[in-house]
Amino acid sequence: PHIPLIADTRNVYLKNTEGEEAIGADGTFVLLSLAF
């Protein structure tokens, strides 16, 4: 899963502050590495 972001004229923010996309990316990598 990729992390959705949104920006205004000055800063970039997380679109979903309670999202678990970062943990999901790590978990996907671990499972794929185990299978490989």
PDB file of all heavy atoms in Angstrom:
ATOM      1  N   PRO A   1       0.839  -1.210   0.000  1.00  0.00           N
ATOM      2  CA  PRO A   1       0.000   0.000   0.000  1.00  0.00           C
ATOM      3  C   PRO A   1       0.865   1.248   0.000  1.00  0.00           C
ATOM      4  O   PRO A   1       1.907   1.307   0.657  1.00  0.00           O
ATOM      5  CB  PRO A   1      -0.796  -0.123   1.314  1.00  0.00           C
ATOM      6  CG  PRO A   1       0.050  -0.998   2.184  1.00  0.00           C
ATOM      7  CD  PRO A   1       0.766  -1.947   1.286  1.00  0.00           C
ATOM      8  N   HIS A   2       0.446   2.239  -0.762  1.00  0.00           N
ATOM      9  CA  HIS A   2       1.173   3.499  -0.854  1.00  0.00           C
ATOM     10  C   HIS A   2       0.511   4.544   0.046  1.00  0.00           C
ATOM     11  O   HIS A   2      -0.695   4.504   0.300  1.00  0.00           O
ATOM     12  CB  HIS A   2       1.211   4.002  -2.296  1.00  0.00           C
ATOM     13  CG  HIS A   2       2.025   3.123  -3.198  1.00  0.00           C
ATOM     14  ND1 HIS A   2       1.596   1.879  -3.612  1.00  0.00           N
ATOM     15  CD2 HIS A   2       3.244   3.321  -3.776  1.00  0.00           C
ATOM     16  CE1 HIS A   2       2.511   1.343  -4.402  1.00  0.00           C
ATOM     17  NE2 HIS A   2       3.516   2.195  -4.517  1.00  0.00           N
ATOM     18  N   ILE A   3       1.327   5.469   0.513  1.00  0.00           N
ATOM     19  CA  ILE A   3       0.857   6.474   1.468  1.00  0.00           C
ATOM     20  C   ILE A   3       0.272   7.662   0.702  1.00  0.00           C
ATOM     21  O   ILE A   3       0.988   8.321  -0.070  1.00  0.00           O
ATOM     22  CB  ILE A   3       2.015   6.941   2.359  1.00  0.00           C
ATOM     23  CG1 ILE A   3       2.624   5.744   3.099  1.00  0.00           C
ATOM     24  CG2 ILE A   3       1.538   7.987   3.357  1.00  0.00           C
ATOM     25  CD1 ILE A   3       3.851   6.108   3.913  1.00  0.00           C
ATOM     26  N   PRO A   4      -1.039   7.956   0.890  1.00  0.00           N
ATOM     27  CA  PRO A   4      -1.625   9.126   0.203  1.00  0.00           C
ATOM     28  C   PRO A   4      -1.241  10.430   0.900  1.00  0.00           C
ATOM     29  O   PRO A   4      -1.271  10.536   2.126  1.00  0.00           O
ATOM     30  CB  PRO A   4      -3.133   8.860   0.310  1.00  0.00           C
ATOM     31  CG  PRO A   4      -3.284   7.998   1.517  1.00  0.00           C
ATOM     32  CD  PRO A   4      -2.047   7.173   1.629  1.00  0.00           C
ATOM     33  N   LEU A   5      -0.871  11.396   0.120  1.00  0.00           N
ATOM     34  CA  LEU A   5      -0.456  12.704   0.628  1.00  0.00           C
ATOM     35  C   LEU A   5      -1.289  13.801  -0.048  1.00  0.00           C
ATOM     36  O   LEU A   5      -1.882  13.590  -1.109  1.00  0.00           O
ATOM     37  CB  LEU A   5       1.037  12.954   0.355  1.00  0.00           C
ATOM     38  CG  LEU A   5       2.029  11.937   0.916  1.00  0.00           C
ATOM     39  CD1 LEU A   5       3.440  12.279   0.466  1.00  0.00           C
ATOM     40  CD2 LEU A   5       1.959  11.868   2.439  1.00  0.00           C
ATOM     41  N   ILE A   6      -1.310  14.946   0.596  1.00  0.00           N
ATOM     42  CA  ILE A   6      -1.992  16.119   0.049  1.00  0.00           C
ATOM     43  C   ILE A   6      -1.194  17.359   0.450  1.00  0.00           C
ATOM     44  O   ILE A   6      -0.563  17.381   1.512  1.00  0.00           O
ATOM     45  CB  ILE A   6      -3.452  16.205   0.547  1.00  0.00           C
ATOM     46  CG1 ILE A   6      -4.234  17.230  -0.257  1.00  0.00           C
ATOM     47  CG2 ILE A   6      -3.514  16.467   2.033  1.00  0.00           C
ATOM     48  CD1 ILE A   6      -5.737  17.189   0.021  1.00  0.00           C
ATOM     49  N   ALA A   7      -1.195  18.342  -0.373  1.00  0.00           N
ATOM     50  CA  ALA A   7      -0.363  19.532  -0.132  1.00  0.00           C
ATOM     51  C   ALA A   7      -1.173  20.799  -0.347  1.00  0.00           C
ATOM     52  O   ALA A   7      -2.176  20.813  -1.077  1.00  0.00           O
ATOM     53  CB  ALA A   7       0.852  19.507  -1.059  1.00  0.00           C
ATOM     54  N   ASP A   8      -0.756  21.849   0.325  1.00  0.00           N
ATOM     55  CA  ASP A   8      -1.287  23.181   0.060  1.00  0.00           C
ATOM     56  C   ASP A   8      -0.179  23.996  -0.604  1.00  0.00           C
ATOM     57  O   ASP A   8       0.765  23.442  -1.177  1.00  0.00           O
ATOM     58  CB  ASP A   8      -1.803  23.835   1.350  1.00  0.00           C
ATOM     59  CG  ASP A   8      -0.762  23.854   2.455  1.00  0.00           C
ATOM     60  OD1 ASP A   8       0.449  23.663   2.140  1.00  0.00           O
ATOM     61  OD2 ASP A   8      -1.126  24.053   3.622  1.00  0.00           O
ATOM     62  N   THR A   9      -0.268  25.266  -0.492  1.00  0.00           N
ATOM     63  CA  THR A   9       0.742  26.096  -1.158  1.00  0.00           C
ATOM     64  C   THR A   9       2.079  26.116  -0.424  1.00  0.00           C
ATOM     65  O   THR A   9       3.080  26.573  -0.986  1.00  0.00           O
ATOM     66  CB  THR A   9       0.210  27.528  -1.273  1.00  0.00           C
ATOM     67  OG1 THR A   9      -0.124  28.011   0.036  1.00  0.00           O
ATOM     68  CG2 THR A   9      -1.008  27.578  -2.174  1.00  0.00           C
ATOM     69  N   ARG A  10       2.113  25.555   0.805  1.00  0.00           N
ATOM     70  CA  ARG A  10       3.353  25.645   1.592  1.00  0.00           C
ATOM     71  C   ARG A  10       3.856  24.290   2.093  1.00  0.00           C
ATOM     72  O   ARG A  10       5.057  24.053   2.097  1.00  0.00           O
ATOM     73  CB  ARG A  10       3.142  26.580   2.796  1.00  0.00           C
ATOM     74  CG  ARG A  10       2.787  28.010   2.418  1.00  0.00           C
ATOM     75  CD  ARG A  10       2.591  28.863   3.650  1.00  0.00           C
ATOM     76  NE  ARG A  10       3.803  28.902   4.478  1.00  0.00           N
ATOM     77  CZ  ARG A  10       3.879  29.521   5.642  1.00  0.00           C
ATOM     78  NH1 ARG A  10       2.805  30.167   6.117  1.00  0.00           N
ATOM     79  NH2 ARG A  10       4.992  29.536   6.317  1.00  0.00           N
ATOM     80  N   ASN A  11       2.968  23.398   2.533  1.00  0.00           N
ATOM     81  CA  ASN A  11       3.375  22.151   3.194  1.00  0.00           C
ATOM     82  C   ASN A  11       2.681  20.955   2.566  1.00  0.00           C
ATOM     83  O   ASN A  11       1.686  21.090   1.829  1.00  0.00           O
ATOM     84  CB  ASN A  11       3.053  22.208   4.699  1.00  0.00           C
ATOM     85  CG  ASN A  11       3.793  23.318   5.419  1.00  0.00           C
ATOM     86  OD1 ASN A  11       4.994  23.491   5.209  1.00  0.00           O
ATOM     87  ND2 ASN A  11       3.085  24.074   6.256  1.00  0.00           N
ATOM     88  N   VAL A  12       3.208  19.801   2.923  1.00  0.00           N
ATOM     89  CA  VAL A  12       2.654  18.507   2.482  1.00  0.00           C
ATOM     90  C   VAL A  12       2.177  17.775   3.723  1.00  0.00           C
ATOM     91  O   VAL A  12       2.897  17.687   4.741  1.00  0.00           O
ATOM     92  CB  VAL A  12       3.699  17.679   1.722  1.00  0.00           C
ATOM     93  CG1 VAL A  12       3.112  16.331   1.298  1.00  0.00           C
ATOM     94  CG2 VAL A  12       4.225  18.429   0.522  1.00  0.00           C
ATOM     95  N   TYR A  13       0.984  17.183   3.669  1.00  0.00           N
ATOM     96  CA  TYR A  13       0.379  16.526   4.816  1.00  0.00           C
ATOM     97  C   TYR A  13      -0.050  15.109   4.435  1.00  0.00           C
ATOM     98  O   TYR A  13      -0.245  14.792   3.253  1.00  0.00           O
ATOM     99  CB  TYR A  13      -0.849  17.301   5.309  1.00  0.00           C
ATOM    100  CG  TYR A  13      -0.581  18.749   5.612  1.00  0.00           C
ATOM    101  CD1 TYR A  13      -0.839  19.726   4.640  1.00  0.00           C
ATOM    102  CD2 TYR A  13      -0.104  19.149   6.853  1.00  0.00           C
ATOM    103  CE1 TYR A  13      -0.605  21.057   4.909  1.00  0.00           C
ATOM    104  CE2 TYR A  13       0.135  20.495   7.117  1.00  0.00           C
ATOM    105  CZ  TYR A  13      -0.121  21.440   6.155  1.00  0.00           C
ATOM    106  OH  TYR A  13       0.111  22.761   6.409  1.00  0.00           O
ATOM    107  N   LEU A  14      -0.193  14.302   5.476  1.00  0.00           N
ATOM    108  CA  LEU A  14      -0.796  12.980   5.289  1.00  0.00           C
ATOM    109  C   LEU A  14      -2.299  13.169   5.088  1.00  0.00           C
ATOM    110  O   LEU A  14      -2.960  13.859   5.872  1.00  0.00           O
ATOM    111  CB  LEU A  14      -0.544  12.090   6.506  1.00  0.00           C
ATOM    112  CG  LEU A  14       0.891  11.589   6.731  1.00  0.00           C
ATOM    113  CD1 LEU A  14       0.986  10.874   8.074  1.00  0.00           C
ATOM    114  CD2 LEU A  14       1.309  10.648   5.611  1.00  0.00           C
ATOM    115  N   LYS A  15      -2.838  12.527   4.085  1.00  0.00           N
ATOM    116  CA  LYS A  15      -4.275  12.647   3.863  1.00  0.00           C
ATOM    117  C   LYS A  15      -5.051  11.917   4.938  1.00  0.00           C
ATOM    118  O   LYS A  15      -6.107  12.375   5.380  1.00  0.00           O
ATOM    119  CB  LYS A  15      -4.631  12.093   2.485  1.00  0.00           C
ATOM    120  CG  LYS A  15      -6.095  12.261   2.140  1.00  0.00           C
ATOM    121  CD  LYS A  15      -6.405  11.758   0.749  1.00  0.00           C
ATOM    122  CE  LYS A  15      -7.873  11.982   0.422  1.00  0.00           C
ATOM    123  NZ  LYS A  15      -8.223  11.518  -0.951  1.00  0.00           N
ATOM    124  N   ASN A  16      -4.530  10.772   5.364  1.00  0.00           N
ATOM    125  CA  ASN A  16      -5.174   9.999   6.426  1.00  0.00           C
ATOM    126  C   ASN A  16      -4.160   9.851   7.551  1.00  0.00           C
ATOM    127  O   ASN A  16      -3.210   9.058   7.457  1.00  0.00           O
ATOM    128  CB  ASN A  16      -5.613   8.629   5.907  1.00  0.00           C
ATOM    129  CG  ASN A  16      -6.395   7.842   6.944  1.00  0.00           C
ATOM    130  OD1 ASN A  16      -6.735   8.359   8.025  1.00  0.00           O
ATOM    131  ND2 ASN A  16      -6.697   6.595   6.629  1.00  0.00           N
ATOM    132  N   THR A  17      -4.314  10.629   8.607  1.00  0.00           N
ATOM    133  CA  THR A  17      -3.333  10.621   9.701  1.00  0.00           C
ATOM    134  C   THR A  17      -3.342   9.320  10.480  1.00  0.00           C
ATOM    135  O   THR A  17      -2.374   9.010  11.178  1.00  0.00           O
ATOM    136  CB  THR A  17      -3.628  11.784  10.660  1.00  0.00           C
ATOM    137  OG1 THR A  17      -4.978  11.698  11.143  1.00  0.00           O
ATOM    138  CG2 THR A  17      -3.432  13.117   9.944  1.00  0.00           C
ATOM    139  N   GLU A  18      -4.414   8.561  10.415  1.00  0.00           N
ATOM    140  CA  GLU A  18      -4.490   7.285  11.122  1.00  0.00           C
ATOM    141  C   GLU A  18      -4.277   6.087  10.192  1.00  0.00           C
ATOM    142  O   GLU A  18      -4.576   4.959  10.551  1.00  0.00           O
ATOM    143  CB  GLU A  18      -5.853   7.158  11.811  1.00  0.00           C
ATOM    144  CG  GLU A  18      -6.091   8.231  12.874  1.00  0.00           C
ATOM    145  CD  GLU A  18      -7.447   8.070  13.547  1.00  0.00           C
ATOM    146  OE1 GLU A  18      -8.203   7.152  13.121  1.00  0.00           O
ATOM    147  OE2 GLU A  18      -7.745   8.830  14.480  1.00  0.00           O
ATOM    148  N   GLY A  19      -3.764   6.351   9.030  1.00  0.00           N
ATOM    149  CA  GLY A  19      -3.537   5.264   8.086  1.00  0.00           C
ATOM    150  C   GLY A  19      -2.371   4.384   8.491  1.00  0.00           C
ATOM    151  O   GLY A  19      -1.456   4.797   9.218  1.00  0.00           O
ATOM    152  N   GLU A  20      -2.399   3.142   8.034  1.00  0.00           N
ATOM    153  CA  GLU A  20      -1.358   2.154   8.356  1.00  0.00           C
ATOM    154  C   GLU A  20      -0.636   1.703   7.087  1.00  0.00           C
ATOM    155  O   GLU A  20      -0.188   0.573   6.994  1.00  0.00           O
ATOM    156  CB  GLU A  20      -1.985   0.958   9.070  1.00  0.00           C
ATOM    157  CG  GLU A  20      -2.633   1.320  10.397  1.00  0.00           C
ATOM    158  CD  GLU A  20      -3.261   0.114  11.088  1.00  0.00           C
ATOM    159  OE1 GLU A  20      -3.288  -0.956  10.437  1.00  0.00           O
ATOM    160  OE2 GLU A  20      -3.696   0.247  12.238  1.00  0.00           O
ATOM    161  N   GLU A  21      -0.550   2.582   6.128  1.00  0.00           N
ATOM    162  CA  GLU A  21       0.098   2.206   4.874  1.00  0.00           C
ATOM    163  C   GLU A  21       1.592   1.936   5.062  1.00  0.00           C
ATOM    164  O   GLU A  21       2.156   1.037   4.419  1.00  0.00           O
ATOM    165  CB  GLU A  21      -0.095   3.306   3.826  1.00  0.00           C
ATOM    166  CG  GLU A  21      -1.507   3.413   3.274  1.00  0.00           C
ATOM    167  CD  GLU A  21      -2.425   4.208   4.196  1.00  0.00           C
ATOM    168  OE1 GLU A  21      -1.912   4.775   5.188  1.00  0.00           O
ATOM    169  OE2 GLU A  21      -3.634   4.274   3.911  1.00  0.00           O
ATOM    170  N   ALA A  22       2.259   2.709   5.950  1.00  0.00           N
ATOM    171  CA  ALA A  22       3.691   2.489   6.173  1.00  0.00           C
ATOM    172  C   ALA A  22       3.952   1.114   6.793  1.00  0.00           C
ATOM    173  O   ALA A  22       4.863   0.382   6.384  1.00  0.00           O
ATOM    174  CB  ALA A  22       4.251   3.594   7.066  1.00  0.00           C
ATOM    175  N   ILE A  23       3.124   0.747   7.771  1.00  0.00           N
ATOM    176  CA  ILE A  23       3.271  -0.578   8.374  1.00  0.00           C
ATOM    177  C   ILE A  23       2.924  -1.659   7.368  1.00  0.00           C
ATOM    178  O   ILE A  23       3.556  -2.721   7.318  1.00  0.00           O
ATOM    179  CB  ILE A  23       2.391  -0.670   9.635  1.00  0.00           C
ATOM    180  CG1 ILE A  23       2.809   0.382  10.664  1.00  0.00           C
ATOM    181  CG2 ILE A  23       2.466  -2.060  10.241  1.00  0.00           C
ATOM    182  CD1 ILE A  23       1.959   0.409  11.899  1.00  0.00           C
ATOM    183  N   GLY A  24       1.920  -1.396   6.545  1.00  0.00           N
ATOM    184  CA  GLY A  24       1.550  -2.375   5.525  1.00  0.00           C
ATOM    185  C   GLY A  24       2.648  -2.601   4.506  1.00  0.00           C
ATOM    186  O   GLY A  24       2.854  -3.721   4.030  1.00  0.00           O
ATOM    187  N   ALA A  25       3.386  -1.549   4.168  1.00  0.00           N
ATOM    188  CA  ALA A  25       4.498  -1.708   3.222  1.00  0.00           C
ATOM    189  C   ALA A  25       5.595  -2.574   3.819  1.00  0.00           C
ATOM    190  O   ALA A  25       6.157  -3.451   3.144  1.00  0.00           O
ATOM    191  CB  ALA A  25       5.047  -0.333   2.852  1.00  0.00           C
ATOM    192  N   ASP A  26       5.898  -2.365   5.104  1.00  0.00           N
ATOM    193  CA  ASP A  26       6.910  -3.196   5.751  1.00  0.00           C
ATOM    194  C   ASP A  26       6.452  -4.644   5.863  1.00  0.00           C
ATOM    195  O   ASP A  26       7.224  -5.585   5.629  1.00  0.00           O
ATOM    196  CB  ASP A  26       7.228  -2.645   7.139  1.00  0.00           C
ATOM    197  CG  ASP A  26       8.031  -1.356   7.077  1.00  0.00           C
ATOM    198  OD1 ASP A  26       8.299  -0.891   5.947  1.00  0.00           O
ATOM    199  OD2 ASP A  26       8.379  -0.818   8.137  1.00  0.00           O
ATOM    200  N   GLY A  27       5.176  -4.828   6.235  1.00  0.00           N
ATOM    201  CA  GLY A  27       4.660  -6.188   6.357  1.00  0.00           C
ATOM    202  C   GLY A  27       4.643  -6.925   5.026  1.00  0.00           C
ATOM    203  O   GLY A  27       4.951  -8.123   4.957  1.00  0.00           O
ATOM    204  N   THR A  28       4.299  -6.220   3.966  1.00  0.00           N
ATOM    205  CA  THR A  28       4.310  -6.840   2.643  1.00  0.00           C
ATOM    206  C   THR A  28       5.722  -7.258   2.240  1.00  0.00           C
ATOM    207  O   THR A  28       5.940  -8.340   1.691  1.00  0.00           O
ATOM    208  CB  THR A  28       3.738  -5.872   1.608  1.00  0.00           C
ATOM    209  OG1 THR A  28       2.428  -5.472   2.003  1.00  0.00           O
ATOM    210  CG2 THR A  28       3.684  -6.520   0.240  1.00  0.00           C
ATOM    211  N   PHE A  29       6.695  -6.407   2.545  1.00  0.00           N
ATOM    212  CA  PHE A  29       8.081  -6.748   2.228  1.00  0.00           C
ATOM    213  C   PHE A  29       8.547  -7.963   3.014  1.00  0.00           C
ATOM    214  O   PHE A  29       9.262  -8.826   2.482  1.00  0.00           O
ATOM    215  CB  PHE A  29       8.984  -5.547   2.525  1.00  0.00           C
ATOM    216  CG  PHE A  29      10.396  -5.720   2.056  1.00  0.00           C
ATOM    217  CD1 PHE A  29      10.760  -5.364   0.762  1.00  0.00           C
ATOM    218  CD2 PHE A  29      11.373  -6.242   2.891  1.00  0.00           C
ATOM    219  CE1 PHE A  29      12.062  -5.531   0.321  1.00  0.00           C
ATOM    220  CE2 PHE A  29      12.671  -6.408   2.465  1.00  0.00           C
ATOM    221  CZ  PHE A  29      13.014  -6.050   1.167  1.00  0.00           C
ATOM    222  N   VAL A  30       8.172  -8.061   4.278  1.00  0.00           N
ATOM    223  CA  VAL A  30       8.577  -9.210   5.100  1.00  0.00           C
ATOM    224  C   VAL A  30       7.981 -10.502   4.555  1.00  0.00           C
ATOM    225  O   VAL A  30       8.677 -11.527   4.425  1.00  0.00           O
ATOM    226  CB  VAL A  30       8.159  -8.975   6.562  1.00  0.00           C
ATOM    227  CG1 VAL A  30       8.298 -10.254   7.376  1.00  0.00           C
ATOM    228  CG2 VAL A  30       8.996  -7.863   7.187  1.00  0.00           C
ATOM    229  N   LEU A  31       6.690 -10.485   4.229  1.00  0.00           N
ATOM    230  CA  LEU A  31       6.045 -11.699   3.719  1.00  0.00           C
ATOM    231  C   LEU A  31       6.627 -12.115   2.368  1.00  0.00           C
ATOM    232  O   LEU A  31       6.856 -13.305   2.117  1.00  0.00           O
ATOM    233  CB  LEU A  31       4.540 -11.475   3.617  1.00  0.00           C
ATOM    234  CG  LEU A  31       3.790 -11.275   4.948  1.00  0.00           C
ATOM    235  CD1 LEU A  31       2.308 -11.024   4.686  1.00  0.00           C
ATOM    236  CD2 LEU A  31       3.971 -12.487   5.848  1.00  0.00           C
ATOM    237  N   LEU A  32       6.869 -11.149   1.516  1.00  0.00           N
ATOM    238  CA  LEU A  32       7.456 -11.474   0.215  1.00  0.00           C
ATOM    239  C   LEU A  32       8.881 -12.001   0.370  1.00  0.00           C
ATOM    240  O   LEU A  32       9.287 -12.945  -0.329  1.00  0.00           O
ATOM    241  CB  LEU A  32       7.443 -10.246  -0.682  1.00  0.00           C
ATOM    242  CG  LEU A  32       6.068  -9.800  -1.193  1.00  0.00           C
ATOM    243  CD1 LEU A  32       6.189  -8.498  -1.986  1.00  0.00           C
ATOM    244  CD2 LEU A  32       5.427 -10.877  -2.053  1.00  0.00           C
ATOM    245  N   SER A  33       9.661 -11.416   1.268  1.00  0.00           N
ATOM    246  CA  SER A  33      11.023 -11.902   1.499  1.00  0.00           C
ATOM    247  C   SER A  33      11.012 -13.318   2.041  1.00  0.00           C
ATOM    248  O   SER A  33      11.854 -14.153   1.659  1.00  0.00           O
ATOM    249  CB  SER A  33      11.752 -10.970   2.470  1.00  0.00           C
ATOM    250  OG  SER A  33      11.864  -9.669   1.941  1.00  0.00           O
ATOM    251  N   LEU A  34      10.073 -13.612   2.923  1.00  0.00           N
ATOM    252  CA  LEU A  34       9.951 -14.968   3.448  1.00  0.00           C
ATOM    253  C   LEU A  34       9.628 -15.961   2.330  1.00  0.00           C
ATOM    254  O   LEU A  34      10.224 -17.051   2.243  1.00  0.00           O
ATOM    255  CB  LEU A  34       8.869 -15.001   4.528  1.00  0.00           C
ATOM    256  CG  LEU A  34       8.601 -16.348   5.212  1.00  0.00           C
ATOM    257  CD1 LEU A  34       9.844 -16.823   5.944  1.00  0.00           C
ATOM    258  CD2 LEU A  34       7.424 -16.239   6.171  1.00  0.00           C
ATOM    259  N   ALA A  35       8.692 -15.596   1.466  1.00  0.00           N
ATOM    260  CA  ALA A  35       8.330 -16.480   0.357  1.00  0.00           C
ATOM    261  C   ALA A  35       9.491 -16.652  -0.621  1.00  0.00           C
ATOM    262  O   ALA A  35       9.775 -17.777  -1.081  1.00  0.00           O
ATOM    263  CB  ALA A  35       7.107 -15.919  -0.375  1.00  0.00           C
ATOM    264  N   PHE A  36      10.201 -15.573  -0.923  1.00  0.00           N
ATOM    265  CA  PHE A  36      11.342 -15.672  -1.841  1.00  0.00           C
ATOM    266  C   PHE A  36      12.460 -16.514  -1.240  1.00  0.00           C
ATOM    267  O   PHE A  36      13.139 -17.265  -1.954  1.00  0.00           O
ATOM    268  CB  PHE A  36      11.843 -14.278  -2.196  1.00  0.00           C
ATOM    269  CG  PHE A  36      11.191 -13.680  -3.399  1.00  0.00           C
ATOM    270  CD1 PHE A  36       9.879 -13.204  -3.334  1.00  0.00           C
ATOM    271  CD2 PHE A  36      11.849 -13.595  -4.609  1.00  0.00           C
ATOM    272  CE1 PHE A  36       9.263 -12.656  -4.433  1.00  0.00           C
ATOM    273  CE2 PHE A  36      11.237 -13.041  -5.722  1.00  0.00           C
ATOM    274  CZ  PHE A  36       9.928 -12.571  -5.644  1.00  0.00           C
TER     275      PHE A  36
END
